[in-house]
Amino acid sequence: MDCSICEGPIEKVQDWDLGNNAEPVNSGRCCNKCNESVVIPLRIINMKR
């Protein structure tokens, strides 16, 4: 499975290979790097609105 943000591969973590929820960036799945650098910061910004 590929990341819906950077289009790179989503790495398997233990038995989980579906990555992270990419909302609110898009409705797909994302890798850990994009989750930490794009998705979570955007969620924090949205919480402050």
PDB file of N, CA and C in Angstrom:
ATOM      1  N   MET A   1       0.853  -1.173   0.000  1.00  0.00           N
ATOM      2  CA  MET A   1       0.000   0.000   0.000  1.00  0.00           C
ATOM      3  C   MET A   1       0.900   1.237   0.000  1.00  0.00           C
ATOM      4  N   ASP A   2       0.493   2.259  -0.749  1.00  0.00           N
ATOM      5  CA  ASP A   2       1.265   3.497  -0.837  1.00  0.00           C
ATOM      6  C   ASP A   2       0.579   4.629  -0.087  1.00  0.00           C
ATOM      7  N   CYS A   3       1.379   5.556   0.392  1.00  0.00           N
ATOM      8  CA  CYS A   3       0.904   6.729   1.116  1.00  0.00           C
ATOM      9  C   CYS A   3       0.099   7.623   0.173  1.00  0.00           C
ATOM     10  N   SER A   4      -1.043   8.090   0.631  1.00  0.00           N
ATOM     11  CA  SER A   4      -1.889   8.951  -0.202  1.00  0.00           C
ATOM     12  C   SER A   4      -1.393  10.391  -0.235  1.00  0.00           C
ATOM     13  N   ILE A   5      -0.357  10.710   0.548  1.00  0.00           N
ATOM     14  CA  ILE A   5       0.194  12.068   0.559  1.00  0.00           C
ATOM     15  C   ILE A   5       1.484  12.125  -0.260  1.00  0.00           C
ATOM     16  N   CYS A   6       2.491  11.316   0.122  1.00  0.00           N
ATOM     17  CA  CYS A   6       3.790  11.353  -0.567  1.00  0.00           C
ATOM     18  C   CYS A   6       3.937  10.268  -1.629  1.00  0.00           C
ATOM     19  N   GLU A   7       2.986   9.346  -1.692  1.00  0.00           N
ATOM     20  CA  GLU A   7       2.964   8.233  -2.638  1.00  0.00           C
ATOM     21  C   GLU A   7       4.089   7.222  -2.424  1.00  0.00           C
ATOM     22  N   GLY A   8       4.801   7.321  -1.295  1.00  0.00           N
ATOM     23  CA  GLY A   8       5.815   6.334  -0.941  1.00  0.00           C
ATOM     24  C   GLY A   8       5.161   5.119  -0.303  1.00  0.00           C
ATOM     25  N   PRO A   9       5.933   4.059  -0.095  1.00  0.00           N
ATOM     26  CA  PRO A   9       5.361   2.850   0.507  1.00  0.00           C
ATOM     27  C   PRO A   9       5.031   3.051   1.984  1.00  0.00           C
ATOM     28  N   ILE A  10       3.961   2.412   2.435  1.00  0.00           N
ATOM     29  CA  ILE A  10       3.614   2.417   3.855  1.00  0.00           C
ATOM     30  C   ILE A  10       4.276   1.198   4.479  1.00  0.00           C
ATOM     31  N   GLU A  11       5.151   1.443   5.441  1.00  0.00           N
ATOM     32  CA  GLU A  11       5.897   0.368   6.094  1.00  0.00           C
ATOM     33  C   GLU A  11       5.015  -0.380   7.085  1.00  0.00           C
ATOM     34  N   LYS A  12       5.224  -1.669   7.172  1.00  0.00           N
ATOM     35  CA  LYS A  12       4.498  -2.503   8.124  1.00  0.00           C
ATOM     36  C   LYS A  12       5.077  -2.283   9.519  1.00  0.00           C
ATOM     37  N   VAL A  13       4.210  -2.059  10.509  1.00  0.00           N
ATOM     38  CA  VAL A  13       4.614  -1.907  11.905  1.00  0.00           C
ATOM     39  C   VAL A  13       3.984  -3.063  12.670  1.00  0.00           C
ATOM     40  N   GLN A  14       4.816  -3.965  13.129  1.00  0.00           N
ATOM     41  CA  GLN A  14       4.374  -5.225  13.745  1.00  0.00           C
ATOM     42  C   GLN A  14       3.415  -5.919  12.788  1.00  0.00           C
ATOM     43  N   ASP A  15       2.168  -6.110  13.134  1.00  0.00           N
ATOM     44  CA  ASP A  15       1.221  -6.785  12.240  1.00  0.00           C
ATOM     45  C   ASP A  15       0.334  -5.815  11.468  1.00  0.00           C
ATOM     46  N   TRP A  16       0.556  -4.512  11.609  1.00  0.00           N
ATOM     47  CA  TRP A  16      -0.312  -3.499  10.980  1.00  0.00           C
ATOM     48  C   TRP A  16       0.360  -2.962   9.726  1.00  0.00           C
ATOM     49  N   ASP A  17      -0.314  -3.096   8.580  1.00  0.00           N
ATOM     50  CA  ASP A  17       0.266  -2.619   7.326  1.00  0.00           C
ATOM     51  C   ASP A  17      -0.621  -1.603   6.609  1.00  0.00           C
ATOM     52  N   LEU A  18      -1.602  -1.036   7.318  1.00  0.00           N
ATOM     53  CA  LEU A  18      -2.518  -0.076   6.693  1.00  0.00           C
ATOM     54  C   LEU A  18      -2.172   1.375   6.984  1.00  0.00           C
ATOM     55  N   GLY A  19      -1.066   1.636   7.653  1.00  0.00           N
ATOM     56  CA  GLY A  19      -0.647   3.004   7.901  1.00  0.00           C
ATOM     57  C   GLY A  19      -1.584   3.760   8.819  1.00  0.00           C
ATOM     58  N   ASN A  20      -1.690   5.057   8.578  1.00  0.00           N
ATOM     59  CA  ASN A  20      -2.455   5.967   9.426  1.00  0.00           C
ATOM     60  C   ASN A  20      -3.585   6.617   8.638  1.00  0.00           C
ATOM     61  N   ASN A  21      -4.589   7.090   9.348  1.00  0.00           N
ATOM     62  CA  ASN A  21      -5.693   7.833   8.760  1.00  0.00           C
ATOM     63  C   ASN A  21      -5.153   9.192   8.303  1.00  0.00           C
ATOM     64  N   ALA A  22      -5.333   9.537   7.043  1.00  0.00           N
ATOM     65  CA  ALA A  22      -4.795  10.784   6.504  1.00  0.00           C
ATOM     66  C   ALA A  22      -5.743  11.975   6.633  1.00  0.00           C
ATOM     67  N   GLU A  23      -6.916  11.798   7.221  1.00  0.00           N
ATOM     68  CA  GLU A  23      -7.838  12.924   7.418  1.00  0.00           C
ATOM     69  C   GLU A  23      -7.184  13.950   8.336  1.00  0.00           C
ATOM     70  N   PRO A  24      -7.266  15.217   8.126  1.00  0.00           N
ATOM     71  CA  PRO A  24      -8.081  15.959   7.171  1.00  0.00           C
ATOM     72  C   PRO A  24      -7.371  16.306   5.861  1.00  0.00           C
ATOM     73  N   VAL A  25      -6.191  15.747   5.619  1.00  0.00           N
ATOM     74  CA  VAL A  25      -5.472  16.039   4.375  1.00  0.00           C
ATOM     75  C   VAL A  25      -6.196  15.421   3.184  1.00  0.00           C
ATOM     76  N   ASN A  26      -6.538  14.150   3.292  1.00  0.00           N
ATOM     77  CA  ASN A  26      -7.346  13.468   2.282  1.00  0.00           C
ATOM     78  C   ASN A  26      -7.999  12.250   2.932  1.00  0.00           C
ATOM     79  N   SER A  27      -8.749  11.492   2.176  1.00  0.00           N
ATOM     80  CA  SER A  27      -9.504  10.384   2.772  1.00  0.00           C
ATOM     81  C   SER A  27      -8.774   9.047   2.700  1.00  0.00           C
ATOM     82  N   GLY A  28      -7.497   9.067   2.341  1.00  0.00           N
ATOM     83  CA  GLY A  28      -6.740   7.825   2.212  1.00  0.00           C
ATOM     84  C   GLY A  28      -5.959   7.455   3.457  1.00  0.00           C
ATOM     85  N   ARG A  29      -4.902   6.679   3.255  1.00  0.00           N
ATOM     86  CA  ARG A  29      -4.023   6.223   4.325  1.00  0.00           C
ATOM     87  C   ARG A  29      -2.654   6.856   4.099  1.00  0.00           C
ATOM     88  N   CYS A  30      -1.912   7.093   5.182  1.00  0.00           N
ATOM     89  CA  CYS A  30      -0.605   7.731   5.028  1.00  0.00           C
ATOM     90  C   CYS A  30       0.474   7.010   5.829  1.00  0.00           C
ATOM     91  N   CYS A  31       1.725   7.260   5.449  1.00  0.00           N
ATOM     92  CA  CYS A  31       2.870   6.672   6.135  1.00  0.00           C
ATOM     93  C   CYS A  31       3.116   7.413   7.456  1.00  0.00           C
ATOM     94  N   ASN A  32       3.961   6.841   8.289  1.00  0.00           N
ATOM     95  CA  ASN A  32       4.258   7.455   9.584  1.00  0.00           C
ATOM     96  C   ASN A  32       4.899   8.829   9.432  1.00  0.00           C
ATOM     97  N   LYS A  33       5.790   8.987   8.452  1.00  0.00           N
ATOM     98  CA  LYS A  33       6.465  10.273   8.245  1.00  0.00           C
ATOM     99  C   LYS A  33       5.449  11.374   7.916  1.00  0.00           C
ATOM    100  N   CYS A  34       4.540  11.106   6.997  1.00  0.00           N
ATOM    101  CA  CYS A  34       3.525  12.105   6.637  1.00  0.00           C
ATOM    102  C   CYS A  34       2.540  12.330   7.774  1.00  0.00           C
ATOM    103  N   ASN A  35       2.235  11.283   8.520  1.00  0.00           N
ATOM    104  CA  ASN A  35       1.344  11.437   9.665  1.00  0.00           C
ATOM    105  C   ASN A  35       1.945  12.419  10.666  1.00  0.00           C
ATOM    106  N   GLU A  36       3.246  12.264  10.950  1.00  0.00           N
ATOM    107  CA  GLU A  36       3.913  13.120  11.936  1.00  0.00           C
ATOM    108  C   GLU A  36       4.186  14.529  11.417  1.00  0.00           C
ATOM    109  N   SER A  37       4.498  14.666  10.127  1.00  0.00           N
ATOM    110  CA  SER A  37       4.909  15.972   9.613  1.00  0.00           C
ATOM    111  C   SER A  37       3.800  16.771   8.935  1.00  0.00           C
ATOM    112  N   VAL A  38       2.713  16.114   8.526  1.00  0.00           N
ATOM    113  CA  VAL A  38       1.643  16.809   7.800  1.00  0.00           C
ATOM    114  C   VAL A  38       0.298  16.686   8.516  1.00  0.00           C
ATOM    115  N   VAL A  39      -0.139  15.461   8.781  1.00  0.00           N
ATOM    116  CA  VAL A  39      -1.492  15.217   9.289  1.00  0.00           C
ATOM    117  C   VAL A  39      -1.672  15.728  10.713  1.00  0.00           C
ATOM    118  N   ILE A  40      -0.810  15.322  11.627  1.00  0.00           N
ATOM    119  CA  ILE A  40      -0.971  15.735  13.031  1.00  0.00           C
ATOM    120  C   ILE A  40      -0.865  17.251  13.194  1.00  0.00           C
ATOM    121  N   PRO A  41       0.135  17.926  12.573  1.00  0.00           N
ATOM    122  CA  PRO A  41       0.157  19.391  12.698  1.00  0.00           C
ATOM    123  C   PRO A  41      -1.115  20.059  12.168  1.00  0.00           C
ATOM    124  N   LEU A  42      -1.668  19.552  11.064  1.00  0.00           N
ATOM    125  CA  LEU A  42      -2.905  20.131  10.530  1.00  0.00           C
ATOM    126  C   LEU A  42      -4.073  19.903  11.481  1.00  0.00           C
ATOM    127  N   ARG A  43      -4.131  18.743  12.100  1.00  0.00           N
ATOM    128  CA  ARG A  43      -5.190  18.488  13.087  1.00  0.00           C
ATOM    129  C   ARG A  43      -5.074  19.450  14.264  1.00  0.00           C
ATOM    130  N   ILE A  44      -3.868  19.724  14.709  1.00  0.00           N
ATOM    131  CA  ILE A  44      -3.664  20.660  15.825  1.00  0.00           C
ATOM    132  C   ILE A  44      -4.096  22.064  15.420  1.00  0.00           C
ATOM    133  N   ILE A  45      -3.731  22.488  14.220  1.00  0.00           N
ATOM    134  CA  ILE A  45      -4.156  23.803  13.721  1.00  0.00           C
ATOM    135  C   ILE A  45      -5.681  23.875  13.678  1.00  0.00           C
ATOM    136  N   ASN A  46      -6.320  22.824  13.183  1.00  0.00           N
ATOM    137  CA  ASN A  46      -7.784  22.809  13.090  1.00  0.00           C
ATOM    138  C   ASN A  46      -8.449  22.843  14.461  1.00  0.00           C
ATOM    139  N   MET A  47      -7.814  22.252  15.472  1.00  0.00           N
ATOM    140  CA  MET A  47      -8.378  22.282  16.831  1.00  0.00           C
ATOM    141  C   MET A  47      -8.368  23.697  17.409  1.00  0.00           C
ATOM    142  N   LYS A  48      -7.413  24.511  16.998  1.00  0.00           N
ATOM    143  CA  LYS A  48      -7.280  25.872  17.526  1.00  0.00           C
ATOM    144  C   LYS A  48      -8.242  26.842  16.860  1.00  0.00           C
ATOM    145  N   ARG A  49      -8.903  26.438  15.803  1.00  0.00           N
ATOM    146  CA  ARG A  49      -9.825  27.332  15.079  1.00  0.00           C
ATOM    147  C   ARG A  49     -11.141  27.429  15.783  1.00  0.00           C
TER     148      ARG A  49
END
